[in-house]
Structure formats: structure tokens, C-alpha cells
N, C-alpha and C. Protein backbone atom coordinates (compact mmCIF):
# COMPACT_ATOMS: atom_id res chain seq x y z
N MET A 1 11.38 -18.55 -31.84
CA MET A 1 11.70 -19.18 -30.19
C MET A 1 10.51 -19.27 -29.58
N ASP A 2 9.55 -20.19 -29.42
CA ASP A 2 8.98 -20.54 -28.04
C ASP A 2 9.15 -20.02 -27.11
N ILE A 3 8.95 -18.74 -26.05
CA ILE A 3 8.96 -18.69 -25.09
C ILE A 3 7.42 -18.50 -24.05
N GLN A 4 7.83 -19.39 -23.12
CA GLN A 4 6.55 -18.69 -22.20
C GLN A 4 7.03 -17.80 -20.91
N ILE A 5 6.61 -16.48 -20.23
CA ILE A 5 6.89 -15.61 -19.72
C ILE A 5 5.66 -15.79 -18.44
N ILE A 6 6.50 -16.32 -17.13
CA ILE A 6 5.78 -16.60 -15.84
C ILE A 6 6.26 -14.96 -14.81
N THR A 7 5.11 -14.79 -14.63
CA THR A 7 5.56 -13.19 -13.90
C THR A 7 4.71 -13.28 -12.73
N ARG A 8 4.82 -12.85 -11.51
CA ARG A 8 4.75 -12.24 -10.55
C ARG A 8 4.39 -11.27 -9.92
N GLU A 9 3.05 -10.74 -9.07
CA GLU A 9 3.05 -9.18 -9.27
C GLU A 9 2.72 -8.60 -10.31
N GLY A 10 2.73 -9.03 -11.45
CA GLY A 10 2.89 -7.99 -12.72
C GLY A 10 3.89 -8.00 -13.13
N GLU A 11 4.88 -8.73 -12.51
CA GLU A 11 6.29 -8.51 -13.06
C GLU A 11 6.98 -9.92 -13.99
N PRO A 12 7.70 -9.72 -14.60
CA PRO A 12 8.52 -11.01 -15.25
C PRO A 12 9.70 -11.40 -14.63
N GLU A 13 9.37 -12.98 -14.32
CA GLU A 13 10.02 -13.78 -13.20
C GLU A 13 11.36 -14.63 -13.59
N TYR A 14 10.26 -15.97 -14.66
CA TYR A 14 10.41 -16.15 -15.45
C TYR A 14 10.74 -16.54 -17.32
N ALA A 15 11.31 -17.21 -17.62
CA ALA A 15 11.59 -16.79 -19.21
C ALA A 15 11.46 -19.05 -19.36
N VAL A 16 10.47 -18.99 -20.15
CA VAL A 16 10.42 -20.87 -19.85
C VAL A 16 10.84 -21.07 -21.65
N VAL A 17 11.65 -21.80 -21.66
CA VAL A 17 12.18 -22.12 -23.63
C VAL A 17 11.62 -23.85 -23.62
N PRO A 18 11.73 -24.17 -24.57
CA PRO A 18 11.78 -25.44 -24.87
C PRO A 18 13.15 -25.89 -24.82
N TRP A 19 13.60 -27.57 -24.17
CA TRP A 19 14.74 -28.08 -24.23
C TRP A 19 15.67 -28.09 -24.95
N ALA A 20 15.44 -28.23 -26.37
CA ALA A 20 16.19 -27.59 -27.53
C ALA A 20 16.22 -26.57 -27.67
N GLN A 21 15.65 -25.92 -27.47
CA GLN A 21 15.96 -23.81 -27.70
C GLN A 21 17.39 -23.83 -26.78
N TYR A 22 16.87 -24.63 -25.82
CA TYR A 22 17.45 -23.82 -24.21
C TYR A 22 18.87 -24.35 -24.74
N GLN A 23 19.20 -25.87 -24.94
CA GLN A 23 20.41 -26.10 -25.03
C GLN A 23 21.10 -25.82 -26.55
N ALA A 24 20.57 -25.51 -27.72
CA ALA A 24 20.86 -24.17 -28.66
C ALA A 24 21.32 -23.10 -28.13
N LEU A 25 20.72 -22.91 -26.99
CA LEU A 25 21.10 -21.15 -26.67
C LEU A 25 22.57 -21.43 -25.60
N LEU A 26 22.69 -22.24 -24.97
CA LEU A 26 23.77 -22.78 -23.92
C LEU A 26 24.99 -22.97 -24.91
N ASN A 27 24.79 -23.59 -25.87
CA ASN A 27 25.58 -24.31 -27.26
C ASN A 27 26.45 -23.01 -27.76
N ALA A 28 25.54 -21.88 -28.11
CA ALA A 28 26.07 -20.64 -28.80
C ALA A 28 26.49 -20.01 -27.70
N ALA A 29 26.33 -19.85 -26.55
CA ALA A 29 27.02 -18.97 -25.64
C ALA A 29 28.43 -19.82 -25.36
N GLY A 30 28.68 -21.32 -25.58
CA GLY A 30 29.95 -21.88 -25.63
C GLY A 30 29.41 -22.74 -23.87
N ILE A 31 28.64 -23.28 -23.39
CA ILE A 31 28.41 -23.69 -22.07
C ILE A 31 27.97 -24.77 -22.36
N LYS A 32 28.88 -26.01 -21.41
CA LYS A 32 28.26 -27.19 -21.30
C LYS A 32 27.68 -27.52 -19.84
N GLU A 33 26.22 -27.90 -20.73
CA GLU A 33 25.03 -28.40 -19.10
C GLU A 33 25.02 -29.24 -18.94
N GLN A 34 25.25 -30.06 -17.61
CA GLN A 34 24.85 -31.05 -17.24
C GLN A 34 23.52 -31.80 -17.68
N PRO A 35 23.74 -33.15 -17.97
CA PRO A 35 21.93 -33.77 -17.95
C PRO A 35 21.32 -33.08 -17.32
N PRO A 36 19.92 -33.49 -17.50
CA PRO A 36 18.26 -32.71 -16.77
C PRO A 36 18.53 -33.59 -15.34
N LYS A 37 18.46 -34.80 -15.37
CA LYS A 37 18.37 -35.27 -13.85
C LYS A 37 19.74 -35.20 -13.20
N GLU A 38 20.73 -35.20 -13.09
CA GLU A 38 22.08 -34.07 -12.36
C GLU A 38 21.62 -33.03 -12.13
N ALA A 39 21.42 -32.28 -13.02
CA ALA A 39 20.96 -30.87 -12.55
C ALA A 39 20.15 -30.47 -11.51
N ALA A 40 19.00 -30.90 -11.66
CA ALA A 40 18.00 -31.32 -11.08
C ALA A 40 18.41 -31.20 -9.43
N LYS A 41 19.16 -32.49 -9.83
CA LYS A 41 19.57 -33.25 -8.29
C LYS A 41 20.79 -32.21 -7.40
N VAL A 42 21.25 -31.93 -8.05
CA VAL A 42 22.09 -30.35 -8.20
C VAL A 42 21.82 -29.45 -7.45
N GLN A 43 20.97 -29.45 -7.87
CA GLN A 43 20.09 -27.87 -7.92
C GLN A 43 19.15 -28.06 -6.20
N ALA A 44 18.69 -29.06 -6.28
CA ALA A 44 17.87 -29.13 -5.10
C ALA A 44 18.64 -29.48 -3.81
N GLN A 45 19.86 -30.05 -4.02
CA GLN A 45 20.59 -29.94 -2.87
C GLN A 45 21.06 -28.88 -2.46
N ALA A 46 21.49 -28.07 -3.41
CA ALA A 46 22.43 -26.73 -3.01
C ALA A 46 20.90 -25.65 -2.47
N SER A 47 19.75 -25.74 -3.05
CA SER A 47 18.62 -25.13 -2.54
C SER A 47 18.49 -25.68 -1.04
N ASP A 48 18.49 -26.73 -0.85
CA ASP A 48 18.04 -27.64 0.63
C ASP A 48 19.04 -26.74 1.86
N GLN A 49 20.50 -27.07 1.14
CA GLN A 49 21.61 -26.15 2.13
C GLN A 49 21.03 -25.12 2.56
N ASP A 50 20.24 -23.91 1.47
CA ASP A 50 20.42 -22.73 2.33
C ASP A 50 19.76 -22.02 2.87
N LEU A 51 18.23 -23.09 2.84
CA LEU A 51 16.95 -22.69 3.30
C LEU A 51 17.60 -22.87 5.33
N PRO A 52 16.30 -22.31 5.72
CA PRO A 52 16.72 -22.57 7.41
C PRO A 52 16.57 -23.87 8.18
N GLY A 53 16.22 -24.28 9.07
CA GLY A 53 15.64 -25.54 9.36
C GLY A 53 14.12 -24.92 9.86
N LEU A 54 13.15 -25.64 9.39
CA LEU A 54 11.80 -25.25 9.43
C LEU A 54 11.56 -25.18 11.10
N ASP A 55 12.12 -25.40 11.91
CA ASP A 55 12.12 -24.96 13.41
C ASP A 55 12.20 -23.56 13.33
N GLN A 56 12.61 -22.70 12.92
CA GLN A 56 12.74 -21.13 12.31
C GLN A 56 11.81 -20.66 11.51
N LEU A 57 11.23 -21.48 11.23
CA LEU A 57 10.37 -20.50 10.11
C LEU A 57 9.27 -19.70 10.61
N ARG A 58 8.69 -20.09 11.83
CA ARG A 58 7.36 -19.24 12.79
C ARG A 58 7.90 -18.03 13.03
N SER A 59 9.66 -18.07 13.23
CA SER A 59 10.20 -16.66 13.89
C SER A 59 10.17 -16.37 13.03
N LEU A 60 11.21 -16.38 11.73
CA LEU A 60 11.04 -15.75 10.55
C LEU A 60 10.15 -14.77 9.91
N ARG A 61 8.91 -15.33 10.50
CA ARG A 61 7.37 -15.18 9.62
C ARG A 61 7.63 -13.68 10.79
N GLU A 62 7.12 -14.14 11.69
CA GLU A 62 7.00 -13.26 12.95
C GLU A 62 8.23 -11.91 12.78
N GLY A 63 9.59 -12.02 13.11
CA GLY A 63 10.26 -11.33 12.41
C GLY A 63 10.28 -10.38 11.32
N LYS A 64 9.49 -10.77 10.70
CA LYS A 64 9.41 -9.66 9.04
C LYS A 64 7.87 -9.13 9.80
N GLY A 65 7.24 -9.30 10.68
CA GLY A 65 6.00 -8.51 10.42
C GLY A 65 4.95 -9.44 10.03
N ILE A 66 5.00 -10.80 9.29
CA ILE A 66 3.65 -11.17 8.18
C ILE A 66 2.77 -11.84 9.13
N ALA A 67 1.89 -11.67 8.72
CA ALA A 67 0.78 -12.82 9.51
C ALA A 67 0.66 -13.87 8.28
N ILE A 68 0.52 -14.83 9.39
CA ILE A 68 0.51 -16.32 9.15
C ILE A 68 -0.36 -16.41 7.53
N GLU A 69 -1.66 -15.58 7.89
CA GLU A 69 -2.61 -15.98 6.57
C GLU A 69 -1.92 -14.89 5.32
N ALA A 70 -1.42 -14.22 5.47
CA ALA A 70 -0.64 -13.43 4.49
C ALA A 70 0.38 -14.07 3.66
N LEU A 71 1.21 -14.85 4.44
CA LEU A 71 2.11 -15.38 4.07
C LEU A 71 1.79 -17.06 3.55
N ALA A 72 0.74 -17.51 3.85
CA ALA A 72 0.15 -18.86 3.32
C ALA A 72 -0.23 -18.54 2.12
N ARG A 73 -1.09 -17.20 1.76
CA ARG A 73 -2.01 -16.81 1.04
C ARG A 73 -0.61 -17.12 -0.34
N THR A 74 0.19 -15.51 0.32
CA THR A 74 1.55 -15.71 -0.96
C THR A 74 1.61 -16.85 -1.84
N VAL A 75 2.25 -18.13 -0.96
CA VAL A 75 2.91 -19.54 -1.00
C VAL A 75 1.60 -20.05 -2.00
N GLY A 76 0.64 -19.99 -1.52
CA GLY A 76 -0.37 -20.99 -2.16
C GLY A 76 -0.85 -21.98 -1.39
N ILE A 77 -0.87 -21.99 0.10
CA ILE A 77 -0.89 -22.86 0.74
C ILE A 77 -1.83 -22.75 1.74
N SER A 78 -3.06 -23.22 2.57
CA SER A 78 -3.83 -22.73 3.70
C SER A 78 -2.93 -22.32 5.01
N PRO A 79 -3.82 -21.36 5.61
CA PRO A 79 -3.39 -21.15 7.00
C PRO A 79 -3.03 -21.99 7.72
N SER A 80 -3.94 -23.37 8.05
CA SER A 80 -3.83 -24.18 8.95
C SER A 80 -2.71 -24.86 8.33
N TYR A 81 -2.65 -25.15 7.30
CA TYR A 81 -1.37 -26.12 7.07
C TYR A 81 0.28 -25.51 6.97
N LEU A 82 0.03 -23.91 7.23
CA LEU A 82 1.33 -23.14 7.32
C LEU A 82 1.39 -23.45 9.06
N ALA A 83 0.32 -23.35 9.39
CA ALA A 83 0.96 -23.62 11.02
C ALA A 83 1.28 -25.33 11.00
N MET A 84 0.67 -26.09 11.39
CA MET A 84 0.82 -27.14 11.18
C MET A 84 2.43 -27.59 10.19
N ILE A 85 3.22 -26.74 9.41
CA ILE A 85 4.66 -26.96 9.23
C ILE A 85 5.44 -25.99 9.97
N GLU A 86 5.13 -24.62 10.59
CA GLU A 86 5.10 -24.15 11.56
C GLU A 86 5.17 -24.66 12.90
N SER A 87 4.35 -25.71 13.61
CA SER A 87 4.54 -26.59 14.73
C SER A 87 5.24 -27.52 14.35
N GLY A 88 5.93 -28.25 12.71
CA GLY A 88 6.30 -29.19 12.93
C GLY A 88 5.24 -30.87 12.59
N GLU A 89 3.92 -30.57 13.15
CA GLU A 89 3.10 -31.54 12.39
C GLU A 89 3.30 -31.62 11.00
N ARG A 90 3.95 -30.58 9.87
CA ARG A 90 3.62 -31.46 8.69
C ARG A 90 5.02 -30.94 7.93
N LEU A 91 5.44 -31.70 6.84
CA LEU A 91 6.82 -31.31 6.42
C LEU A 91 6.60 -31.09 4.81
N PRO A 92 6.72 -30.00 4.98
CA PRO A 92 6.36 -29.26 3.06
C PRO A 92 7.58 -29.96 2.36
N ASP A 93 7.00 -30.24 1.04
CA ASP A 93 7.58 -30.77 0.14
C ASP A 93 8.94 -29.77 -0.65
N ALA A 94 9.11 -29.94 -1.29
CA ALA A 94 10.46 -29.06 -1.79
C ALA A 94 9.84 -27.25 -2.09
N ALA A 95 9.04 -27.41 -3.51
CA ALA A 95 8.37 -26.37 -4.30
C ALA A 95 7.99 -25.68 -3.19
N ILE A 96 7.41 -25.67 -1.44
CA ILE A 96 6.88 -25.13 -0.97
C ILE A 96 7.52 -24.17 0.13
N ARG A 97 8.95 -25.45 0.08
CA ARG A 97 10.16 -24.81 1.23
C ARG A 97 10.94 -23.20 0.55
N ARG A 98 10.98 -24.23 -0.82
CA ARG A 98 11.66 -22.74 -1.84
C ARG A 98 10.86 -21.93 -1.71
N SER A 99 9.09 -21.37 -1.63
CA SER A 99 8.46 -20.55 -1.98
C SER A 99 8.60 -19.70 -0.68
N LEU A 100 8.54 -20.43 0.79
CA LEU A 100 8.89 -20.03 2.09
C LEU A 100 10.10 -19.21 1.90
N ALA A 101 10.72 -20.41 1.36
CA ALA A 101 12.23 -18.68 1.66
C ALA A 101 12.57 -17.64 0.73
N TRP A 102 11.79 -17.78 -0.29
CA TRP A 102 12.15 -16.91 -1.45
C TRP A 102 10.75 -15.74 -0.52
N GLU A 103 9.97 -15.75 -0.05
CA GLU A 103 8.88 -14.80 -0.01
C GLU A 103 9.54 -14.37 1.70
N LEU A 104 10.58 -15.17 2.44
CA LEU A 104 11.01 -14.31 3.78
C LEU A 104 12.27 -13.89 3.21
N THR A 105 12.41 -14.18 2.31
CA THR A 105 13.52 -13.70 1.84
C THR A 105 15.32 -14.51 2.53
N VAL A 106 14.80 -15.46 2.80
CA VAL A 106 16.17 -15.87 3.20
C VAL A 106 17.52 -15.90 2.29
N PRO A 107 18.57 -15.48 2.87
CA PRO A 107 19.72 -14.87 2.58
C PRO A 107 20.80 -16.06 1.71
N GLY A 108 21.08 -15.43 0.43
CA GLY A 108 21.53 -16.31 -0.29
C GLY A 108 20.37 -16.88 -1.57
N TRP A 109 19.27 -16.79 -0.98
CA TRP A 109 18.24 -17.85 -1.88
C TRP A 109 17.94 -16.96 -3.32
N ARG A 110 17.56 -15.86 -3.40
CA ARG A 110 17.49 -14.99 -4.26
C ARG A 110 18.93 -15.27 -5.05
N GLU A 111 19.79 -15.18 -4.79
CA GLU A 111 20.92 -14.90 -5.50
C GLU A 111 20.98 -16.42 -6.49
N GLN A 112 20.77 -17.73 -6.44
CA GLN A 112 20.70 -18.97 -6.80
C GLN A 112 19.41 -19.16 -7.71
N SER A 113 18.32 -18.19 -7.63
CA SER A 113 17.30 -18.64 -8.11
C SER A 113 17.60 -17.79 -9.59
């Protein structure tokens, strides 16, 4: 089996397998999988529903005592871009929103990932 392990801070976080092997694992477990496009659409909708509004981002970050520079570095964006997101000047893509939710431990997010 060809598995790629993705780590965060030295700990395994994700295991990536080729699609055919993933489907074989699902079949062996007796699980019927949705087609890839439908599954991605459902997952994106569920993820966005669980995230707080971006207008709450600054208060979440400050409430956890996280400096804007530290959060930006962890998420992989510049502090100035994060400041623009917090002020409503920019709208981040879904990947950045998910990363922000993960780093700010938004309730319900970790259970879905």
C-alpha cells in the first residue's frame, strides 16, 4: 500500500492513500462512499457551517492570547493579510478558514477532521 504521512509539529496528522486503495479499504469495511465531487461538496458545506463568522476572528484570537504574528505564521499567511481578514478587507479561501478554525480550536471542528 502506498501511504503518504503528513505531520504537524512532528506528530502524524493525516495519512494519504491512492484513491483505488482507499476505495478497496472502504469496500473491505463494508462502507459505501459518495462520489468524490458530492463528498467534497457536502464536506465543504458542513465545514463552513461550523466556522464562526470572520467578524469574530479577532476576538477569538485575542481571547486565546495569541499574537496576530504567531497565528499568521502557524496558518501560513502574512500578519498583514491576517489583519485584513480580521478587518473584513479580505475574504480568505476555504483552506485558510479551516486552518484558522483548527488553530483557534473552534468547537466542533476537530471532531469533523
